[in-house]
Amino acid sequence: MEDGRALFRPGARVGLLGGSFDPPHEGHLHLSCEALKRFGLDGVVWLVSPANPLKAHAPAAMAVRLAAAKDLIDHPRIAVSDIEVELGTCYTAETLAALTGMFPQVAFTWLMGADNLVQFDRWEDWQQILDLVPVGVLARPGLRGAALRSRAARIYAAARLPARDSRALGGMRPPVWCFVNMPMRSVSSSALRQVTAGEEAPDAPVKQGET
């Protein structure tokens, strides 16, 4: 079982990056390294999902995605987890409720790219996520404006932490979220899947950190 539990130490501030990671790529690693620095985290764990309810097509086999993620990671404070298989959870809110119950002395932070903030209100029990843990949002190409105008951003405007105070996020009580900019890398899982399948890459710029 790959579950990243070595990072779940009492008092630790741990960022959780969820997704299908189909395939994992340098954008995921870049986002994770930036999150460590920008949000004052002790570690980041990739939660490799058995399936993504918002995607129409099933991902590659879990073992394949886990192995690829492990091969990619070269940072001692970033780990890979398939704990959602053990937990039997499908939705982020369910996973976070289980993890915060199992590890009450760990300060978890949910991590996402700006594209996910745009559609965050479509997630199952999305408000429960914000009530359970701090949320760190990292800017991605072309989506800053749309993310900050999103329904979730507007509803939780009062809970937004200024970017200048971002390093405090990992130790704060929810609901709280923070939006920060980071250097961009134009790579995405969908584009990599197209290349692997022999298809042409899309003309539009792809998004860093896409899962």
Protein backbone atom coordinates (compact mmCIF):
# COMPACT_ATOMS: atom_id res chain seq x y z
CA MET A 1 0.00 0.00 0.00
CA GLU A 2 1.38 3.38 -1.06
CA ASP A 3 -0.20 5.83 1.34
CA GLY A 4 2.33 8.55 2.17
CA ARG A 5 1.80 7.98 5.89
CA ALA A 6 5.45 8.69 6.64
CA LEU A 7 4.55 12.36 6.13
CA PHE A 8 1.48 12.21 8.39
CA ARG A 9 3.38 13.06 11.58
CA PRO A 10 1.70 14.80 14.54
CA GLY A 11 1.91 18.54 14.07
CA ALA A 12 2.91 18.28 10.40
CA ARG A 13 1.37 20.58 7.79
CA VAL A 14 0.64 18.36 4.79
CA GLY A 15 -0.71 19.42 1.42
CA LEU A 16 -2.93 16.98 -0.48
CA LEU A 17 -2.98 17.06 -4.28
CA GLY A 18 -5.72 14.86 -5.71
CA GLY A 19 -6.31 13.68 -9.25
CA SER A 20 -6.15 10.82 -11.69
CA PHE A 21 -2.49 11.57 -12.59
CA ASP A 22 -3.06 10.02 -16.01
CA PRO A 23 -0.18 10.38 -16.57
CA PRO A 24 1.71 12.26 -13.86
CA HIS A 25 4.05 14.92 -15.24
CA GLU A 26 6.49 17.70 -14.38
CA GLY A 27 3.60 20.12 -13.91
CA HIS A 28 2.34 18.13 -10.92
CA LEU A 29 5.83 18.16 -9.43
CA HIS A 30 6.25 21.88 -10.09
CA LEU A 31 2.92 22.69 -8.43
CA SER A 32 3.84 20.55 -5.42
CA CYS A 33 7.23 22.20 -4.95
CA GLU A 34 5.65 25.65 -5.20
CA ALA A 35 2.98 24.64 -2.67
CA LEU A 36 5.66 23.55 -0.19
CA LYS A 37 7.26 26.98 -0.38
CA ARG A 38 4.21 29.19 -0.71
CA PHE A 39 1.91 27.61 1.89
CA GLY A 40 4.39 26.73 4.63
CA LEU A 41 3.93 22.97 4.25
CA ASP A 42 6.08 20.18 5.63
CA GLY A 43 5.10 17.77 2.87
CA VAL A 44 2.81 17.11 -0.07
CA VAL A 45 1.03 13.83 -0.79
CA TRP A 46 -0.41 12.99 -4.20
CA LEU A 47 -3.75 11.23 -3.81
CA VAL A 48 -4.00 9.10 -6.94
CA SER A 49 -7.72 8.59 -7.49
CA PRO A 50 -9.21 5.27 -8.62
CA ALA A 51 -11.51 7.35 -10.87
CA ASN A 52 -12.52 10.96 -11.43
CA PRO A 53 -16.31 11.52 -11.27
CA LEU A 54 -16.02 14.63 -13.48
CA LYS A 55 -14.26 12.80 -16.32
CA ALA A 56 -16.04 10.65 -18.89
CA HIS A 57 -13.24 8.18 -19.58
CA ALA A 58 -11.67 5.74 -17.13
CA PRO A 59 -7.98 6.37 -16.37
CA ALA A 60 -5.13 3.93 -16.86
CA ALA A 61 -4.68 1.15 -14.30
CA MET A 62 -3.91 2.37 -10.78
CA ALA A 63 -0.65 0.38 -10.62
CA VAL A 64 0.56 2.03 -13.81
CA ARG A 65 -0.20 5.55 -12.58
CA LEU A 66 1.32 4.92 -9.14
CA ALA A 67 4.54 3.54 -10.65
CA ALA A 68 4.81 6.50 -13.03
CA ALA A 69 4.28 8.96 -10.19
CA LYS A 70 6.93 7.31 -8.02
CA ASP A 71 9.40 7.36 -10.90
CA LEU A 72 8.79 11.06 -11.44
CA ILE A 73 9.09 12.30 -7.86
CA ASP A 74 12.60 13.31 -6.79
CA HIS A 75 11.75 15.30 -3.66
CA PRO A 76 12.02 13.89 -0.11
CA ARG A 77 8.93 15.78 1.08
CA ILE A 78 6.60 14.68 -1.74
CA ALA A 79 4.98 11.24 -1.65
CA VAL A 80 2.42 9.20 -3.57
CA SER A 81 -0.69 7.62 -2.06
CA ASP A 82 -3.39 5.19 -3.12
CA ILE A 83 -5.13 5.48 0.24
CA GLU A 84 -8.47 6.20 -1.44
CA VAL A 85 -8.49 2.54 -2.51
CA GLU A 86 -8.20 1.47 1.12
CA LEU A 87 -10.75 4.04 2.26
CA GLY A 88 -13.19 3.20 -0.52
CA THR A 89 -13.85 6.90 -1.11
CA CYS A 90 -14.70 8.48 -4.44
CA TYR A 91 -15.24 12.15 -3.65
CA THR A 92 -12.72 14.58 -2.16
CA ALA A 93 -15.04 15.54 0.71
CA GLU A 94 -15.32 11.87 1.72
CA THR A 95 -11.56 11.38 1.56
CA LEU A 96 -10.84 14.49 3.63
CA ALA A 97 -13.43 13.54 6.25
CA ALA A 98 -11.77 10.13 6.58
CA LEU A 99 -8.21 11.48 6.73
CA THR A 100 -8.94 14.22 9.24
CA GLY A 101 -10.62 11.61 11.41
CA MET A 102 -7.74 9.14 11.13
CA PHE A 103 -4.99 11.73 11.62
CA PRO A 104 -6.44 14.47 13.86
CA GLN A 105 -2.98 15.81 14.76
CA VAL A 106 -2.02 16.46 11.13
CA ALA A 107 -2.86 19.85 9.59
CA PHE A 108 -4.03 19.04 6.07
CA THR A 109 -4.32 21.57 3.23
CA TRP A 110 -6.15 20.79 0.00
CA LEU A 111 -4.21 21.89 -3.09
CA MET A 112 -5.59 22.69 -6.53
CA GLY A 113 -4.84 24.56 -9.71
CA ALA A 114 -6.85 27.62 -10.66
CA ASP A 115 -8.84 25.61 -13.23
CA ASN A 116 -10.29 23.50 -10.44
CA LEU A 117 -11.43 26.61 -8.57
CA VAL A 118 -13.41 27.58 -11.69
CA GLN A 119 -15.49 24.40 -11.42
CA PHE A 120 -15.17 23.84 -7.68
CA ASP A 121 -18.88 24.37 -7.04
CA ARG A 122 -19.57 21.29 -9.21
CA TRP A 123 -17.68 19.04 -6.79
CA GLU A 124 -19.68 16.83 -4.44
CA ASP A 125 -20.08 18.57 -1.06
CA TRP A 126 -17.59 21.24 -2.08
CA GLN A 127 -18.48 23.52 0.81
CA GLN A 128 -17.71 20.71 3.24
CA ILE A 129 -14.16 20.65 1.81
CA LEU A 130 -13.68 24.32 2.69
CA ASP A 131 -15.12 23.73 6.15
CA LEU A 132 -12.74 20.80 6.79
CA VAL A 133 -9.32 22.08 5.65
CA PRO A 134 -7.57 25.16 4.29
CA VAL A 135 -7.45 25.30 0.47
CA GLY A 136 -4.41 26.47 -1.47
CA VAL A 137 -4.97 27.51 -5.09
CA LEU A 138 -2.06 27.96 -7.48
CA ALA A 139 -2.43 30.06 -10.61
CA ARG A 140 -2.37 28.38 -14.03
CA PRO A 141 -2.14 29.82 -17.54
CA GLY A 142 -5.07 31.96 -18.59
CA LEU A 143 -7.37 31.11 -15.70
CA ARG A 144 -6.59 33.65 -12.99
CA GLY A 145 -9.53 35.92 -13.81
CA ALA A 146 -12.02 33.10 -14.29
CA ALA A 147 -10.94 31.47 -11.04
CA LEU A 148 -11.30 34.61 -8.97
CA ARG A 149 -14.72 35.30 -10.51
CA SER A 150 -15.91 31.74 -9.88
CA ARG A 151 -18.96 31.01 -7.76
CA ALA A 152 -16.88 29.37 -5.02
CA ALA A 153 -14.49 32.34 -4.85
CA ARG A 154 -17.38 34.78 -4.60
CA ILE A 155 -19.26 32.82 -1.92
CA TYR A 156 -16.12 32.42 0.19
CA ALA A 157 -14.63 35.85 -0.54
CA ALA A 158 -14.50 36.70 3.17
CA ALA A 159 -12.41 33.59 3.86
CA ARG A 160 -9.69 34.47 1.34
CA LEU A 161 -6.19 34.87 2.80
CA PRO A 162 -4.06 37.51 1.03
CA ALA A 163 -1.24 36.05 -1.04
CA ARG A 164 1.33 37.99 0.99
CA ASP A 165 0.34 35.87 4.01
CA SER A 166 0.28 32.56 2.12
CA ARG A 167 2.90 30.83 4.29
CA ALA A 168 0.47 30.93 7.21
CA LEU A 169 -2.20 28.95 5.33
CA GLY A 170 -1.11 25.47 6.41
CA GLY A 171 -1.61 26.29 10.08
CA MET A 172 -4.91 28.16 9.87
CA ARG A 173 -8.39 27.05 10.85
CA PRO A 174 -10.90 26.60 8.03
CA PRO A 175 -12.69 27.96 6.22
CA VAL A 176 -9.74 29.75 4.64
CA TRP A 177 -8.28 29.72 1.14
CA CYS A 178 -5.41 31.44 -0.60
CA PHE A 179 -4.72 32.15 -4.26
CA VAL A 180 -1.09 32.58 -5.35
CA ASN A 181 0.73 33.01 -8.63
CA MET A 182 3.59 30.75 -9.63
CA PRO A 183 5.95 30.35 -12.60
CA MET A 184 4.05 28.57 -15.37
CA ARG A 185 4.82 25.37 -17.21
CA SER A 186 2.67 24.50 -20.22
CA VAL A 187 2.21 20.76 -19.80
CA SER A 188 -0.89 18.71 -19.09
CA SER A 189 -1.92 15.09 -18.68
CA SER A 190 -4.45 15.35 -21.50
CA ALA A 191 -1.80 16.60 -23.93
CA LEU A 192 0.58 13.82 -22.90
CA ARG A 193 -2.16 11.23 -23.43
CA GLN A 194 -2.72 12.59 -26.94
CA VAL A 195 0.97 12.35 -27.76
CA THR A 196 1.10 8.79 -26.42
CA ALA A 197 -1.90 7.87 -28.55
CA GLY A 198 -0.32 9.42 -31.63
CA GLU A 199 -2.77 12.32 -31.82
CA GLU A 200 -1.92 15.95 -32.50
CA ALA A 201 -1.57 18.18 -29.47
CA PRO A 202 -4.28 20.86 -29.07
CA ASP A 203 -3.66 24.28 -30.59
CA ALA A 204 -4.73 26.12 -27.42
CA PRO A 205 -2.17 26.47 -24.61
CA VAL A 206 -2.40 23.55 -22.23
CA LYS A 207 -2.55 24.01 -18.51
CA GLN A 208 0.14 23.26 -15.96
CA GLY A 209 -0.80 20.73 -13.32
CA GLU A 210 -3.85 19.33 -15.14
CA THR A 211 -4.83 15.93 -13.77
